[in-house]
mmCIF file of all heavy atoms, coordinates in Angstrom:
data_MODEL
# 
_entry.id   MODEL 
# 
loop_
_atom_site.group_PDB 
_atom_site.id 
_atom_site.type_symbol 
_atom_site.label_atom_id 
_atom_site.label_alt_id 
_atom_site.label_comp_id 
_atom_site.label_asym_id 
_atom_site.label_entity_id 
_atom_site.label_seq_id 
_atom_site.pdbx_PDB_ins_code 
_atom_site.Cartn_x 
_atom_site.Cartn_y 
_atom_site.Cartn_z 
_atom_site.occupancy 
_atom_site.B_iso_or_equiv 
_atom_site.pdbx_formal_charge 
_atom_site.auth_seq_id 
_atom_site.auth_comp_id 
_atom_site.auth_asym_id 
_atom_site.auth_atom_id 
_atom_site.pdbx_PDB_model_num 
ATOM 1   N N   . THR A 1 1  ? -90.160 60.106 34.147 1.00 0.00 ? 1  THR A N   1 
ATOM 2   C CA  . THR A 1 1  ? -88.951 60.812 34.589 1.00 0.00 ? 1  THR A CA  1 
ATOM 3   C C   . THR A 1 1  ? -89.255 62.286 34.822 1.00 0.00 ? 1  THR A C   1 
ATOM 4   O O   . THR A 1 1  ? -88.839 62.876 35.833 1.00 0.00 ? 1  THR A O   1 
ATOM 5   C CB  . THR A 1 1  ? -87.833 60.669 33.538 1.00 0.00 ? 1  THR A CB  1 
ATOM 6   O OG1 . THR A 1 1  ? -87.553 59.277 33.342 1.00 0.00 ? 1  THR A OG1 1 
ATOM 7   C CG2 . THR A 1 1  ? -86.572 61.377 33.998 1.00 0.00 ? 1  THR A CG2 1 
ATOM 8   N N   . GLY A 1 2  ? -90.003 62.882 33.888 1.00 0.00 ? 2  GLY A N   1 
ATOM 9   C CA  . GLY A 1 2  ? -90.369 64.294 34.041 1.00 0.00 ? 2  GLY A CA  1 
ATOM 10  C C   . GLY A 1 2  ? -91.244 64.545 35.248 1.00 0.00 ? 2  GLY A C   1 
ATOM 11  O O   . GLY A 1 2  ? -91.142 65.605 35.890 1.00 0.00 ? 2  GLY A O   1 
ATOM 12  N N   . GLU A 1 3  ? -92.098 63.594 35.586 1.00 0.00 ? 3  GLU A N   1 
ATOM 13  C CA  . GLU A 1 3  ? -92.974 63.729 36.750 1.00 0.00 ? 3  GLU A CA  1 
ATOM 14  C C   . GLU A 1 3  ? -92.311 63.242 38.034 1.00 0.00 ? 3  GLU A C   1 
ATOM 15  O O   . GLU A 1 3  ? -92.935 63.226 39.093 1.00 0.00 ? 3  GLU A O   1 
ATOM 16  C CB  . GLU A 1 3  ? -94.274 62.951 36.500 1.00 0.00 ? 3  GLU A CB  1 
ATOM 17  C CG  . GLU A 1 3  ? -95.107 63.538 35.371 1.00 0.00 ? 3  GLU A CG  1 
ATOM 18  C CD  . GLU A 1 3  ? -96.353 62.714 35.082 1.00 0.00 ? 3  GLU A CD  1 
ATOM 19  O OE1 . GLU A 1 3  ? -96.455 61.586 35.624 1.00 0.00 ? 3  GLU A OE1 1 
ATOM 20  O OE2 . GLU A 1 3  ? -97.228 63.195 34.344 1.00 0.00 ? 3  GLU A OE2 1 
ATOM 21  N N   . ARG A 1 4  ? -91.054 62.801 37.915 1.00 0.00 ? 4  ARG A N   1 
ATOM 22  C CA  . ARG A 1 4  ? -90.271 62.323 39.048 1.00 0.00 ? 4  ARG A CA  1 
ATOM 23  C C   . ARG A 1 4  ? -90.935 61.129 39.752 1.00 0.00 ? 4  ARG A C   1 
ATOM 24  O O   . ARG A 1 4  ? -90.847 60.998 40.985 1.00 0.00 ? 4  ARG A O   1 
ATOM 25  C CB  . ARG A 1 4  ? -90.015 63.464 40.037 1.00 0.00 ? 4  ARG A CB  1 
ATOM 26  C CG  . ARG A 1 4  ? -89.227 64.624 39.408 1.00 0.00 ? 4  ARG A CG  1 
ATOM 27  C CD  . ARG A 1 4  ? -88.970 65.725 40.393 1.00 0.00 ? 4  ARG A CD  1 
ATOM 28  N NE  . ARG A 1 4  ? -88.250 66.831 39.742 1.00 0.00 ? 4  ARG A NE  1 
ATOM 29  C CZ  . ARG A 1 4  ? -87.923 67.966 40.354 1.00 0.00 ? 4  ARG A CZ  1 
ATOM 30  N NH1 . ARG A 1 4  ? -88.235 68.146 41.636 1.00 0.00 ? 4  ARG A NH1 1 
ATOM 31  N NH2 . ARG A 1 4  ? -87.277 68.914 39.697 1.00 0.00 ? 4  ARG A NH2 1 
ATOM 32  N N   . GLU A 1 5  ? -91.567 60.277 38.945 1.00 0.00 ? 5  GLU A N   1 
ATOM 33  C CA  . GLU A 1 5  ? -92.171 59.055 39.482 1.00 0.00 ? 5  GLU A CA  1 
ATOM 34  C C   . GLU A 1 5  ? -91.106 57.961 39.514 1.00 0.00 ? 5  GLU A C   1 
ATOM 35  O O   . GLU A 1 5  ? -91.186 56.967 38.782 1.00 0.00 ? 5  GLU A O   1 
ATOM 36  C CB  . GLU A 1 5  ? -93.363 58.641 38.620 1.00 0.00 ? 5  GLU A CB  1 
ATOM 37  C CG  . GLU A 1 5  ? -94.519 59.617 38.645 1.00 0.00 ? 5  GLU A CG  1 
ATOM 38  C CD  . GLU A 1 5  ? -95.336 59.501 39.924 1.00 0.00 ? 5  GLU A CD  1 
ATOM 39  O OE1 . GLU A 1 5  ? -95.154 58.502 40.670 1.00 0.00 ? 5  GLU A OE1 1 
ATOM 40  O OE2 . GLU A 1 5  ? -96.150 60.402 40.180 1.00 0.00 ? 5  GLU A OE2 1 
ATOM 41  N N   . THR A 1 6  ? -90.101 58.164 40.333 1.00 0.00 ? 6  THR A N   1 
ATOM 42  C CA  . THR A 1 6  ? -88.949 57.263 40.323 1.00 0.00 ? 6  THR A CA  1 
ATOM 43  C C   . THR A 1 6  ? -89.296 55.824 40.699 1.00 0.00 ? 6  THR A C   1 
ATOM 44  O O   . THR A 1 6  ? -88.629 54.891 40.260 1.00 0.00 ? 6  THR A O   1 
ATOM 45  C CB  . THR A 1 6  ? -87.859 57.789 41.275 1.00 0.00 ? 6  THR A CB  1 
ATOM 46  O OG1 . THR A 1 6  ? -88.431 57.998 42.580 1.00 0.00 ? 6  THR A OG1 1 
ATOM 47  C CG2 . THR A 1 6  ? -87.296 59.112 40.773 1.00 0.00 ? 6  THR A CG2 1 
ATOM 48  N N   . MET A 1 7  ? -90.332 55.631 41.478 1.00 0.00 ? 7  MET A N   1 
ATOM 49  C CA  . MET A 1 7  ? -90.720 54.283 41.897 1.00 0.00 ? 7  MET A CA  1 
ATOM 50  C C   . MET A 1 7  ? -91.286 53.459 40.746 1.00 0.00 ? 7  MET A C   1 
ATOM 51  O O   . MET A 1 7  ? -91.329 52.236 40.810 1.00 0.00 ? 7  MET A O   1 
ATOM 52  C CB  . MET A 1 7  ? -91.748 54.362 43.028 1.00 0.00 ? 7  MET A CB  1 
ATOM 53  C CG  . MET A 1 7  ? -91.202 54.937 44.333 1.00 0.00 ? 7  MET A CG  1 
ATOM 54  S SD  . MET A 1 7  ? -89.926 53.878 45.067 1.00 0.00 ? 7  MET A SD  1 
ATOM 55  C CE  . MET A 1 7  ? -90.904 52.449 45.503 1.00 0.00 ? 7  MET A CE  1 
ATOM 56  N N   . HIS A 1 8  ? -91.727 54.141 39.673 1.00 0.00 ? 8  HIS A N   1 
ATOM 57  C CA  . HIS A 1 8  ? -92.356 53.447 38.555 1.00 0.00 ? 8  HIS A CA  1 
ATOM 58  C C   . HIS A 1 8  ? -91.478 53.380 37.312 1.00 0.00 ? 8  HIS A C   1 
ATOM 59  O O   . HIS A 1 8  ? -91.913 52.889 36.276 1.00 0.00 ? 8  HIS A O   1 
ATOM 60  C CB  . HIS A 1 8  ? -93.691 54.131 38.208 1.00 0.00 ? 8  HIS A CB  1 
ATOM 61  C CG  . HIS A 1 8  ? -94.680 54.136 39.337 1.00 0.00 ? 8  HIS A CG  1 
ATOM 62  N ND1 . HIS A 1 8  ? -94.856 55.230 40.153 1.00 0.00 ? 8  HIS A ND1 1 
ATOM 63  C CD2 . HIS A 1 8  ? -95.518 53.174 39.799 1.00 0.00 ? 8  HIS A CD2 1 
ATOM 64  C CE1 . HIS A 1 8  ? -95.769 54.962 41.057 1.00 0.00 ? 8  HIS A CE1 1 
ATOM 65  N NE2 . HIS A 1 8  ? -96.186 53.721 40.881 1.00 0.00 ? 8  HIS A NE2 1 
ATOM 66  N N   . LEU A 1 9  ? -90.254 53.882 37.412 1.00 0.00 ? 9  LEU A N   1 
ATOM 67  C CA  . LEU A 1 9  ? -89.382 53.916 36.239 1.00 0.00 ? 9  LEU A CA  1 
ATOM 68  C C   . LEU A 1 9  ? -88.855 52.541 35.857 1.00 0.00 ? 9  LEU A C   1 
ATOM 69  O O   . LEU A 1 9  ? -88.555 52.297 34.677 1.00 0.00 ? 9  LEU A O   1 
ATOM 70  C CB  . LEU A 1 9  ? -88.179 54.831 36.497 1.00 0.00 ? 9  LEU A CB  1 
ATOM 71  C CG  . LEU A 1 9  ? -88.446 56.330 36.595 1.00 0.00 ? 9  LEU A CG  1 
ATOM 72  C CD1 . LEU A 1 9  ? -87.162 57.055 36.929 1.00 0.00 ? 9  LEU A CD1 1 
ATOM 73  C CD2 . LEU A 1 9  ? -89.035 56.848 35.291 1.00 0.00 ? 9  LEU A CD2 1 
ATOM 74  N N   . TRP A 1 10 ? -88.751 51.639 36.809 1.00 0.00 ? 10 TRP A N   1 
ATOM 75  C CA  . TRP A 1 10 ? -88.045 50.384 36.571 1.00 0.00 ? 10 TRP A CA  1 
ATOM 76  C C   . TRP A 1 10 ? -88.726 49.511 35.526 1.00 0.00 ? 10 TRP A C   1 
ATOM 77  O O   . TRP A 1 10 ? -88.054 48.841 34.741 1.00 0.00 ? 10 TRP A O   1 
ATOM 78  C CB  . TRP A 1 10 ? -87.883 49.603 37.877 1.00 0.00 ? 10 TRP A CB  1 
ATOM 79  C CG  . TRP A 1 10 ? -89.157 49.012 38.376 1.00 0.00 ? 10 TRP A CG  1 
ATOM 80  C CD1 . TRP A 1 10 ? -90.094 49.605 39.158 1.00 0.00 ? 10 TRP A CD1 1 
ATOM 81  C CD2 . TRP A 1 10 ? -89.641 47.694 38.093 1.00 0.00 ? 10 TRP A CD2 1 
ATOM 82  N NE1 . TRP A 1 10 ? -91.141 48.764 39.391 1.00 0.00 ? 10 TRP A NE1 1 
ATOM 83  C CE2 . TRP A 1 10 ? -90.886 47.574 38.752 1.00 0.00 ? 10 TRP A CE2 1 
ATOM 84  C CE3 . TRP A 1 10 ? -89.150 46.617 37.361 1.00 0.00 ? 10 TRP A CE3 1 
ATOM 85  C CZ2 . TRP A 1 10 ? -91.654 46.409 38.688 1.00 0.00 ? 10 TRP A CZ2 1 
ATOM 86  C CZ3 . TRP A 1 10 ? -89.915 45.455 37.291 1.00 0.00 ? 10 TRP A CZ3 1 
ATOM 87  C CH2 . TRP A 1 10 ? -91.138 45.352 37.950 1.00 0.00 ? 10 TRP A CH2 1 
ATOM 88  N N   . LEU A 1 11 ? -90.085 49.515 35.484 1.00 0.00 ? 11 LEU A N   1 
ATOM 89  C CA  . LEU A 1 11 ? -90.778 48.598 34.579 1.00 0.00 ? 11 LEU A CA  1 
ATOM 90  C C   . LEU A 1 11 ? -90.582 48.955 33.106 1.00 0.00 ? 11 LEU A C   1 
ATOM 91  O O   . LEU A 1 11 ? -90.155 48.098 32.323 1.00 0.00 ? 11 LEU A O   1 
ATOM 92  C CB  . LEU A 1 11 ? -92.260 48.525 34.936 1.00 0.00 ? 11 LEU A CB  1 
ATOM 93  C CG  . LEU A 1 11 ? -93.095 47.499 34.155 1.00 0.00 ? 11 LEU A CG  1 
ATOM 94  C CD1 . LEU A 1 11 ? -92.458 46.116 34.202 1.00 0.00 ? 11 LEU A CD1 1 
ATOM 95  C CD2 . LEU A 1 11 ? -94.525 47.450 34.696 1.00 0.00 ? 11 LEU A CD2 1 
ATOM 96  N N   . PRO A 1 12 ? -90.862 50.211 32.665 1.00 0.00 ? 12 PRO A N   1 
ATOM 97  C CA  . PRO A 1 12 ? -90.583 50.524 31.250 1.00 0.00 ? 12 PRO A CA  1 
ATOM 98  C C   . PRO A 1 12 ? -89.104 50.394 30.907 1.00 0.00 ? 12 PRO A C   1 
ATOM 99  O O   . PRO A 1 12 ? -88.757 49.967 29.807 1.00 0.00 ? 12 PRO A O   1 
ATOM 100 C CB  . PRO A 1 12 ? -91.089 51.966 31.084 1.00 0.00 ? 12 PRO A CB  1 
ATOM 101 C CG  . PRO A 1 12 ? -91.169 52.523 32.453 1.00 0.00 ? 12 PRO A CG  1 
ATOM 102 C CD  . PRO A 1 12 ? -91.483 51.363 33.349 1.00 0.00 ? 12 PRO A CD  1 
ATOM 103 N N   . LEU A 1 13 ? -88.236 50.749 31.870 1.00 0.00 ? 13 LEU A N   1 
ATOM 104 C CA  . LEU A 1 13 ? -86.797 50.636 31.619 1.00 0.00 ? 13 LEU A CA  1 
ATOM 105 C C   . LEU A 1 13 ? -86.393 49.181 31.436 1.00 0.00 ? 13 LEU A C   1 
ATOM 106 O O   . LEU A 1 13 ? -85.596 48.845 30.537 1.00 0.00 ? 13 LEU A O   1 
ATOM 107 C CB  . LEU A 1 13 ? -86.034 51.262 32.785 1.00 0.00 ? 13 LEU A CB  1 
ATOM 108 C CG  . LEU A 1 13 ? -84.536 51.490 32.599 1.00 0.00 ? 13 LEU A CG  1 
ATOM 109 C CD1 . LEU A 1 13 ? -84.278 52.406 31.405 1.00 0.00 ? 13 LEU A CD1 1 
ATOM 110 C CD2 . LEU A 1 13 ? -83.942 52.088 33.865 1.00 0.00 ? 13 LEU A CD2 1 
ATOM 111 N N   . ALA A 1 14 ? -86.959 48.285 32.258 1.00 0.00 ? 14 ALA A N   1 
ATOM 112 C CA  . ALA A 1 14 ? -86.641 46.860 32.143 1.00 0.00 ? 14 ALA A CA  1 
ATOM 113 C C   . ALA A 1 14 ? -87.196 46.269 30.850 1.00 0.00 ? 14 ALA A C   1 
ATOM 114 O O   . ALA A 1 14 ? -86.562 45.399 30.234 1.00 0.00 ? 14 ALA A O   1 
ATOM 115 C CB  . ALA A 1 14 ? -87.203 46.108 33.350 1.00 0.00 ? 14 ALA A CB  1 
ATOM 116 N N   . LEU A 1 15 ? -88.356 46.733 30.425 1.00 0.00 ? 15 LEU A N   1 
ATOM 117 C CA  . LEU A 1 15 ? -88.929 46.247 29.161 1.00 0.00 ? 15 LEU A CA  1 
ATOM 118 C C   . LEU A 1 15 ? -88.063 46.672 27.975 1.00 0.00 ? 15 LEU A C   1 
ATOM 119 O O   . LEU A 1 15 ? -87.818 45.881 27.059 1.00 0.00 ? 15 LEU A O   1 
ATOM 120 C CB  . LEU A 1 15 ? -90.354 46.772 28.989 1.00 0.00 ? 15 LEU A CB  1 
ATOM 121 C CG  . LEU A 1 15 ? -91.415 46.146 29.895 1.00 0.00 ? 15 LEU A CG  1 
ATOM 122 C CD1 . LEU A 1 15 ? -92.706 46.958 29.861 1.00 0.00 ? 15 LEU A CD1 1 
ATOM 123 C CD2 . LEU A 1 15 ? -91.698 44.693 29.484 1.00 0.00 ? 15 LEU A CD2 1 
ATOM 124 N N   . ILE A 1 16 ? -87.611 47.916 27.990 1.00 0.00 ? 16 ILE A N   1 
ATOM 125 C CA  . ILE A 1 16 ? -86.730 48.405 26.920 1.00 0.00 ? 16 ILE A CA  1 
ATOM 126 C C   . ILE A 1 16 ? -85.427 47.608 26.910 1.00 0.00 ? 16 ILE A C   1 
ATOM 127 O O   . ILE A 1 16 ? -84.940 47.195 25.852 1.00 0.00 ? 16 ILE A O   1 
ATOM 128 C CB  . ILE A 1 16 ? -86.458 49.910 27.096 1.00 0.00 ? 16 ILE A CB  1 
ATOM 129 C CG1 . ILE A 1 16 ? -87.746 50.707 26.901 1.00 0.00 ? 16 ILE A CG1 1 
ATOM 130 C CG2 . ILE A 1 16 ? -85.385 50.384 26.110 1.00 0.00 ? 16 ILE A CG2 1 
ATOM 131 C CD1 . ILE A 1 16 ? -87.651 52.153 27.369 1.00 0.00 ? 16 ILE A CD1 1 
ATOM 132 N N   . GLY A 1 17 ? -84.870 47.381 28.102 1.00 0.00 ? 17 GLY A N   1 
ATOM 133 C CA  . GLY A 1 17 ? -83.649 46.590 28.196 1.00 0.00 ? 17 GLY A CA  1 
ATOM 134 C C   . GLY A 1 17 ? -83.835 45.162 27.720 1.00 0.00 ? 17 GLY A C   1 
ATOM 135 O O   . GLY A 1 17 ? -82.960 44.597 27.053 1.00 0.00 ? 17 GLY A O   1 
ATOM 136 N N   . SER A 1 18 ? -84.985 44.572 28.046 1.00 0.00 ? 18 SER A N   1 
ATOM 137 C CA  . SER A 1 18 ? -85.273 43.197 27.610 1.00 0.00 ? 18 SER A CA  1 
ATOM 138 C C   . SER A 1 18 ? -85.388 43.121 26.095 1.00 0.00 ? 18 SER A C   1 
ATOM 139 O O   . SER A 1 18 ? -84.879 42.183 25.466 1.00 0.00 ? 18 SER A O   1 
ATOM 140 C CB  . SER A 1 18 ? -86.575 42.708 28.262 1.00 0.00 ? 18 SER A CB  1 
ATOM 141 O OG  . SER A 1 18 ? -86.462 42.658 29.669 1.00 0.00 ? 18 SER A OG  1 
ATOM 142 N N   . PHE A 1 19 ? -86.060 44.106 25.507 1.00 0.00 ? 19 PHE A N   1 
ATOM 143 C CA  . PHE A 1 19 ? -86.199 44.135 24.047 1.00 0.00 ? 19 PHE A CA  1 
ATOM 144 C C   . PHE A 1 19 ? -84.827 44.270 23.387 1.00 0.00 ? 19 PHE A C   1 
ATOM 145 O O   . PHE A 1 19 ? -84.528 43.582 22.405 1.00 0.00 ? 19 PHE A O   1 
ATOM 146 C CB  . PHE A 1 19 ? -87.102 45.299 23.645 1.00 0.00 ? 19 PHE A CB  1 
ATOM 147 C CG  . PHE A 1 19 ? -87.418 45.355 22.180 1.00 0.00 ? 19 PHE A CG  1 
ATOM 148 C CD1 . PHE A 1 19 ? -88.554 44.741 21.674 1.00 0.00 ? 19 PHE A CD1 1 
ATOM 149 C CD2 . PHE A 1 19 ? -86.594 46.035 21.293 1.00 0.00 ? 19 PHE A CD2 1 
ATOM 150 C CE1 . PHE A 1 19 ? -88.857 44.793 20.319 1.00 0.00 ? 19 PHE A CE1 1 
ATOM 151 C CE2 . PHE A 1 19 ? -86.875 46.096 19.941 1.00 0.00 ? 19 PHE A CE2 1 
ATOM 152 C CZ  . PHE A 1 19 ? -88.016 45.466 19.456 1.00 0.00 ? 19 PHE A CZ  1 
ATOM 153 N N   . LEU A 1 20 ? -84.002 45.164 23.937 1.00 0.00 ? 20 LEU A N   1 
ATOM 154 C CA  . LEU A 1 20 ? -82.654 45.353 23.390 1.00 0.00 ? 20 LEU A CA  1 
ATOM 155 C C   . LEU A 1 20 ? -81.845 44.058 23.499 1.00 0.00 ? 20 LEU A C   1 
ATOM 156 O O   . LEU A 1 20 ? -81.152 43.671 22.549 1.00 0.00 ? 20 LEU A O   1 
ATOM 157 C CB  . LEU A 1 20 ? -81.946 46.483 24.132 1.00 0.00 ? 20 LEU A CB  1 
ATOM 158 C CG  . LEU A 1 20 ? -80.494 46.755 23.740 1.00 0.00 ? 20 LEU A CG  1 
ATOM 159 C CD1 . LEU A 1 20 ? -80.388 47.130 22.265 1.00 0.00 ? 20 LEU A CD1 1 
ATOM 160 C CD2 . LEU A 1 20 ? -79.894 47.854 24.626 1.00 0.00 ? 20 LEU A CD2 1 
ATOM 161 N N   . PHE A 1 21 ? -81.938 43.393 24.645 1.00 0.00 ? 21 PHE A N   1 
ATOM 162 C CA  . PHE A 1 21 ? -81.245 42.121 24.819 1.00 0.00 ? 21 PHE A CA  1 
ATOM 163 C C   . PHE A 1 21 ? -81.733 41.100 23.785 1.00 0.00 ? 21 PHE A C   1 
ATOM 164 O O   . PHE A 1 21 ? -80.927 40.362 23.197 1.00 0.00 ? 21 PHE A O   1 
ATOM 165 C CB  . PHE A 1 21 ? -81.478 41.587 26.233 1.00 0.00 ? 21 PHE A CB  1 
ATOM 166 C CG  . PHE A 1 21 ? -80.914 40.202 26.446 1.00 0.00 ? 21 PHE A CG  1 
ATOM 167 C CD1 . PHE A 1 21 ? -79.543 40.003 26.562 1.00 0.00 ? 21 PHE A CD1 1 
ATOM 168 C CD2 . PHE A 1 21 ? -81.757 39.102 26.513 1.00 0.00 ? 21 PHE A CD2 1 
ATOM 169 C CE1 . PHE A 1 21 ? -79.021 38.728 26.748 1.00 0.00 ? 21 PHE A CE1 1 
ATOM 170 C CE2 . PHE A 1 21 ? -81.240 37.823 26.695 1.00 0.00 ? 21 PHE A CE2 1 
ATOM 171 C CZ  . PHE A 1 21 ? -79.868 37.634 26.816 1.00 0.00 ? 21 PHE A CZ  1 
ATOM 172 N N   . GLY A 1 22 ? -83.050 41.059 23.547 1.00 0.00 ? 22 GLY A N   1 
ATOM 173 C CA  . GLY A 1 22 ? -83.594 40.142 22.550 1.00 0.00 ? 22 GLY A CA  1 
ATOM 174 C C   . GLY A 1 22 ? -83.098 40.454 21.153 1.00 0.00 ? 22 GLY A C   1 
ATOM 175 O O   . GLY A 1 22 ? -82.791 39.545 20.371 1.00 0.00 ? 22 GLY A O   1 
ATOM 176 N N   . ALA A 1 23 ? -83.001 41.751 20.821 1.00 0.00 ? 23 ALA A N   1 
ATOM 177 C CA  . ALA A 1 23 ? -82.488 42.148 19.506 1.00 0.00 ? 23 ALA A CA  1 
ATOM 178 C C   . ALA A 1 23 ? -81.043 41.699 19.328 1.00 0.00 ? 23 ALA A C   1 
ATOM 179 O O   . ALA A 1 23 ? -80.656 41.201 18.258 1.00 0.00 ? 23 ALA A O   1 
ATOM 180 C CB  . ALA A 1 23 ? -82.598 43.659 19.346 1.00 0.00 ? 23 ALA A CB  1 
ATOM 181 N N   . ILE A 1 24 ? -80.243 41.865 20.388 1.00 0.00 ? 24 ILE A N   1 
ATOM 182 C CA  . ILE A 1 24 ? -78.853 41.414 20.329 1.00 0.00 ? 24 ILE A CA  1 
ATOM 183 C C   . ILE A 1 24 ? -78.789 39.898 20.210 1.00 0.00 ? 24 ILE A C   1 
ATOM 184 O O   . ILE A 1 24 ? -78.032 39.355 19.394 1.00 0.00 ? 24 ILE A O   1 
ATOM 185 C CB  . ILE A 1 24 ? -78.080 41.893 21.581 1.00 0.00 ? 24 ILE A CB  1 
ATOM 186 C CG1 . ILE A 1 24 ? -77.999 43.422 21.596 1.00 0.00 ? 24 ILE A CG1 1 
ATOM 187 C CG2 . ILE A 1 24 ? -76.676 41.285 21.629 1.00 0.00 ? 24 ILE A CG2 1 
ATOM 188 C CD1 . ILE A 1 24 ? -77.490 43.991 22.907 1.00 0.00 ? 24 ILE A CD1 1 
ATOM 189 N N   . LEU A 1 25 ? -79.603 39.206 21.020 1.00 0.00 ? 25 LEU A N   1 
ATOM 190 C CA  . LEU A 1 25 ? -79.617 37.745 20.999 1.00 0.00 ? 25 LEU A CA  1 
ATOM 191 C C   . LEU A 1 25 ? -80.030 37.204 19.632 1.00 0.00 ? 25 LEU A C   1 
ATOM 192 O O   . LEU A 1 25 ? -79.352 36.333 19.065 1.00 0.00 ? 25 LEU A O   1 
ATOM 193 C CB  . LEU A 1 25 ? -80.564 37.232 22.074 1.00 0.00 ? 25 LEU A CB  1 
ATOM 194 C CG  . LEU A 1 25 ? -80.776 35.715 22.143 1.00 0.00 ? 25 LEU A CG  1 
ATOM 195 C CD1 . LEU A 1 25 ? -79.472 35.007 22.482 1.00 0.00 ? 25 LEU A CD1 1 
ATOM 196 C CD2 . LEU A 1 25 ? -81.866 35.378 23.154 1.00 0.00 ? 25 LEU A CD2 1 
ATOM 197 N N   . GLY A 1 26 ? -81.135 37.723 19.097 1.00 0.00 ? 26 GLY A N   1 
ATOM 198 C CA  . GLY A 1 26 ? -81.601 37.263 17.789 1.00 0.00 ? 26 GLY A CA  1 
ATOM 199 C C   . GLY A 1 26 ? -80.590 37.529 16.694 1.00 0.00 ? 26 GLY A C   1 
ATOM 200 O O   . GLY A 1 26 ? -80.364 36.682 15.821 1.00 0.00 ? 26 GLY A O   1 
ATOM 201 N N   . SER A 1 27 ? -79.973 38.708 16.735 1.00 0.00 ? 27 SER A N   1 
ATOM 202 C CA  . SER A 1 27 ? -78.980 39.056 15.718 1.00 0.00 ? 27 SER A CA  1 
ATOM 203 C C   . SER A 1 27 ? -77.738 38.183 15.836 1.00 0.00 ? 27 SER A C   1 
ATOM 204 O O   . SER A 1 27 ? -77.167 37.757 14.823 1.00 0.00 ? 27 SER A O   1 
ATOM 205 C CB  . SER A 1 27 ? -78.601 40.531 15.842 1.00 0.00 ? 27 SER A CB  1 
ATOM 206 O OG  . SER A 1 27 ? -79.728 41.358 15.633 1.00 0.00 ? 27 SER A OG  1 
# 
C-alpha cells in the first residue's frame, strides 16, 4: 500500500480475508 503497488494488493488482502472467514467458521 505504501509503495502504491495496487495491482498486487488483492492477494495478501484475500488471504487475510480467507483466514478471518475460517476463524469465524471454526468458531
